[in-house]
Amino acid sequence: MTPEALPEVAKVAAEVRGYARLTTSFLLLGDRLVEERRLLDAAFCYRAAEFFLLPSDERRAPARQRFVNLVRQAYGILPPHNPTRLTVLAFPSQAQGSAPAIPDLGAR
């Protein structure tokens, strides 16, 4: 989140009482920030909402997906070529005998 968003987030946090209103307020703030093209700030508002949503809440998965999509868009990260398969890069180490694996998240 950028420093410019801190006053808006503080205002939301000061005005709400309880998780239900907090999550709704973060989702609404995220929507407004998307309209203003403040993608990274919007992404972290969706992430904050997702953090407090129950796993059974139908808004949780869409909030997570919005977060991921906006972060990728803000940083110019392309999605993986095949989302059903995770590619890793292995770097052999003669000292340890095993290779550490590093996920390839599609950033090209």
C-alpha atoms as a PDB file:
ATOM      1  CA  MET A   1       0.000   0.000   0.000  1.00  0.00           C
ATOM      2  CA  THR A   2       1.287   3.440  -0.793  1.00  0.00           C
ATOM      3  CA  PRO A   3       1.619   6.184   1.823  1.00  0.00           C
ATOM      4  CA  GLU A   4      -1.149   8.145   0.049  1.00  0.00           C
ATOM      5  CA  ALA A   5      -3.682   5.495   1.072  1.00  0.00           C
ATOM      6  CA  LEU A   6      -2.938   5.603   4.795  1.00  0.00           C
ATOM      7  CA  PRO A   7      -5.323   8.477   5.652  1.00  0.00           C
ATOM      8  CA  GLU A   8      -8.162   6.720   3.804  1.00  0.00           C
ATOM      9  CA  VAL A   9      -7.474   3.412   5.516  1.00  0.00           C
ATOM     10  CA  ALA A  10      -7.235   5.121   8.920  1.00  0.00           C
ATOM     11  CA  LYS A  11     -10.592   6.809   8.298  1.00  0.00           C
ATOM     12  CA  VAL A  12     -12.224   3.482   7.427  1.00  0.00           C
ATOM     13  CA  ALA A  13     -10.729   1.827  10.491  1.00  0.00           C
ATOM     14  CA  ALA A  14     -11.852   4.651  12.799  1.00  0.00           C
ATOM     15  CA  GLU A  15     -15.446   4.652  11.551  1.00  0.00           C
ATOM     16  CA  VAL A  16     -16.266   0.958  11.793  1.00  0.00           C
ATOM     17  CA  ARG A  17     -17.259  -1.257  14.668  1.00  0.00           C
ATOM     18  CA  GLY A  18     -16.955  -4.975  14.012  1.00  0.00           C
ATOM     19  CA  TYR A  19     -15.647  -7.239  11.312  1.00  0.00           C
ATOM     20  CA  ALA A  20     -18.773  -7.189   9.143  1.00  0.00           C
ATOM     21  CA  ARG A  21     -18.617  -3.452   8.582  1.00  0.00           C
ATOM     22  CA  LEU A  22     -14.816  -3.447   8.372  1.00  0.00           C
ATOM     23  CA  THR A  23     -14.742  -5.961   5.532  1.00  0.00           C
ATOM     24  CA  THR A  24     -17.539  -4.200   3.660  1.00  0.00           C
ATOM     25  CA  SER A  25     -15.778  -0.856   4.069  1.00  0.00           C
ATOM     26  CA  PHE A  26     -12.492  -2.245   2.739  1.00  0.00           C
ATOM     27  CA  LEU A  27     -14.249  -3.797  -0.255  1.00  0.00           C
ATOM     28  CA  LEU A  28     -15.983  -0.494  -1.031  1.00  0.00           C
ATOM     29  CA  LEU A  29     -12.743   1.459  -0.633  1.00  0.00           C
ATOM     30  CA  GLY A  30     -11.050  -1.016  -2.964  1.00  0.00           C
ATOM     31  CA  ASP A  31     -13.780  -0.469  -5.562  1.00  0.00           C
ATOM     32  CA  ARG A  32     -13.357   3.298  -5.339  1.00  0.00           C
ATOM     33  CA  LEU A  33      -9.582   3.091  -5.631  1.00  0.00           C
ATOM     34  CA  VAL A  34      -9.878   0.886  -8.733  1.00  0.00           C
ATOM     35  CA  GLU A  35     -12.055   3.573 -10.317  1.00  0.00           C
ATOM     36  CA  GLU A  36      -9.311   6.097  -9.492  1.00  0.00           C
ATOM     37  CA  ARG A  37      -6.733   3.747 -11.109  1.00  0.00           C
ATOM     38  CA  ARG A  38      -4.865   3.384  -7.808  1.00  0.00           C
ATOM     39  CA  LEU A  39      -4.334  -0.312  -8.407  1.00  0.00           C
ATOM     40  CA  LEU A  40      -1.864  -1.195  -5.676  1.00  0.00           C
ATOM     41  CA  ASP A  41      -3.845   0.608  -2.980  1.00  0.00           C
ATOM     42  CA  ALA A  42      -7.036  -1.076  -4.186  1.00  0.00           C
ATOM     43  CA  ALA A  43      -5.330  -4.469  -4.183  1.00  0.00           C
ATOM     44  CA  PHE A  44      -4.335  -4.175  -0.547  1.00  0.00           C
ATOM     45  CA  CYS A  45      -7.821  -3.039   0.452  1.00  0.00           C
ATOM     46  CA  TYR A  46      -9.186  -6.246  -1.083  1.00  0.00           C
ATOM     47  CA  ARG A  47      -6.477  -8.208   0.719  1.00  0.00           C
ATOM     48  CA  ALA A  48      -7.385  -6.576   4.034  1.00  0.00           C
ATOM     49  CA  ALA A  49     -11.036  -7.468   3.503  1.00  0.00           C
ATOM     50  CA  GLU A  50     -10.136 -11.043   2.580  1.00  0.00           C
ATOM     51  CA  PHE A  51      -8.062 -11.415   5.749  1.00  0.00           C
ATOM     52  CA  PHE A  52     -11.101 -10.740   7.946  1.00  0.00           C
ATOM     53  CA  LEU A  53     -13.696 -12.657   5.897  1.00  0.00           C
ATOM     54  CA  LEU A  54     -14.722 -16.107   7.061  1.00  0.00           C
ATOM     55  CA  PRO A  55     -13.802 -18.972   4.734  1.00  0.00           C
ATOM     56  CA  SER A  56     -17.526 -19.583   4.193  1.00  0.00           C
ATOM     57  CA  ASP A  57     -18.164 -15.987   3.063  1.00  0.00           C
ATOM     58  CA  GLU A  58     -18.912 -15.891  -0.673  1.00  0.00           C
ATOM     59  CA  ARG A  59     -17.038 -12.590  -0.982  1.00  0.00           C
ATOM     60  CA  ARG A  60     -13.715 -14.099   0.118  1.00  0.00           C
ATOM     61  CA  ALA A  61     -12.637 -15.844  -3.108  1.00  0.00           C
ATOM     62  CA  PRO A  62     -13.520 -12.855  -5.344  1.00  0.00           C
ATOM     63  CA  ALA A  63     -11.638 -10.505  -2.983  1.00  0.00           C
ATOM     64  CA  ARG A  64      -8.580 -12.768  -3.181  1.00  0.00           C
ATOM     65  CA  GLN A  65      -8.775 -12.931  -6.972  1.00  0.00           C
ATOM     66  CA  ARG A  66      -9.096  -9.131  -7.232  1.00  0.00           C
ATOM     67  CA  PHE A  67      -6.042  -8.755  -4.991  1.00  0.00           C
ATOM     68  CA  VAL A  68      -3.948 -11.139  -7.105  1.00  0.00           C
ATOM     69  CA  ASN A  69      -5.084  -9.629 -10.415  1.00  0.00           C
ATOM     70  CA  LEU A  70      -4.447  -6.048  -9.307  1.00  0.00           C
ATOM     71  CA  VAL A  71      -1.006  -6.792  -7.865  1.00  0.00           C
ATOM     72  CA  ARG A  72      -0.060  -8.539 -11.090  1.00  0.00           C
ATOM     73  CA  GLN A  73      -1.377  -5.600 -13.100  1.00  0.00           C
ATOM     74  CA  ALA A  74       0.345  -2.997 -10.902  1.00  0.00           C
ATOM     75  CA  TYR A  75       3.730  -4.740 -11.128  1.00  0.00           C
ATOM     76  CA  GLY A  76       3.368  -6.002 -14.703  1.00  0.00           C
ATOM     77  CA  ILE A  77       3.481  -9.684 -13.741  1.00  0.00           C
ATOM     78  CA  LEU A  78       2.017 -12.000 -16.334  1.00  0.00           C
ATOM     79  CA  PRO A  79      -0.099 -14.913 -15.107  1.00  0.00           C
ATOM     80  CA  PRO A  80       1.401 -18.396 -15.419  1.00  0.00           C
ATOM     81  CA  HIS A  81       1.131 -19.915 -18.884  1.00  0.00           C
ATOM     82  CA  ASN A  82      -0.580 -23.016 -17.535  1.00  0.00           C
ATOM     83  CA  PRO A  83      -2.481 -22.235 -14.325  1.00  0.00           C
ATOM     84  CA  THR A  84      -3.057 -25.943 -13.607  1.00  0.00           C
ATOM     85  CA  ARG A  85       0.663 -26.732 -13.416  1.00  0.00           C
ATOM     86  CA  LEU A  86       3.388 -25.134 -11.309  1.00  0.00           C
ATOM     87  CA  THR A  87       6.800 -24.990 -12.956  1.00  0.00           C
ATOM     88  CA  VAL A  88       9.876 -24.879 -10.738  1.00  0.00           C
ATOM     89  CA  LEU A  89      13.500 -24.149 -11.459  1.00  0.00           C
ATOM     90  CA  ALA A  90      15.992 -26.515  -9.787  1.00  0.00           C
ATOM     91  CA  PHE A  91      19.534 -25.445  -8.963  1.00  0.00           C
ATOM     92  CA  PRO A  92      21.734 -28.435  -8.112  1.00  0.00           C
ATOM     93  CA  SER A  93      24.074 -28.084  -5.181  1.00  0.00           C
ATOM     94  CA  GLN A  94      27.122 -30.336  -4.999  1.00  0.00           C
ATOM     95  CA  ALA A  95      27.558 -29.600  -1.305  1.00  0.00           C
ATOM     96  CA  GLN A  96      24.106 -30.725  -0.193  1.00  0.00           C
ATOM     97  CA  GLY A  97      23.247 -33.291  -2.845  1.00  0.00           C
ATOM     98  CA  SER A  98      19.750 -31.937  -3.386  1.00  0.00           C
ATOM     99  CA  ALA A  99      18.438 -29.083  -5.463  1.00  0.00           C
ATOM    100  CA  PRO A 100      16.429 -26.212  -4.021  1.00  0.00           C
ATOM    101  CA  ALA A 101      13.278 -25.556  -6.023  1.00  0.00           C
ATOM    102  CA  ILE A 102      12.178 -22.051  -6.889  1.00  0.00           C
ATOM    103  CA  PRO A 103       8.608 -21.600  -8.215  1.00  0.00           C
ATOM    104  CA  ASP A 104       8.306 -19.931 -11.596  1.00  0.00           C
ATOM    105  CA  LEU A 105       5.346 -17.609 -11.094  1.00  0.00           C
ATOM    106  CA  GLY A 106       5.177 -16.567 -14.699  1.00  0.00           C
ATOM    107  CA  ALA A 107       6.970 -13.219 -14.419  1.00  0.00           C
ATOM    108  CA  ARG A 108       8.619 -12.706 -17.780  1.00  0.00           C
END
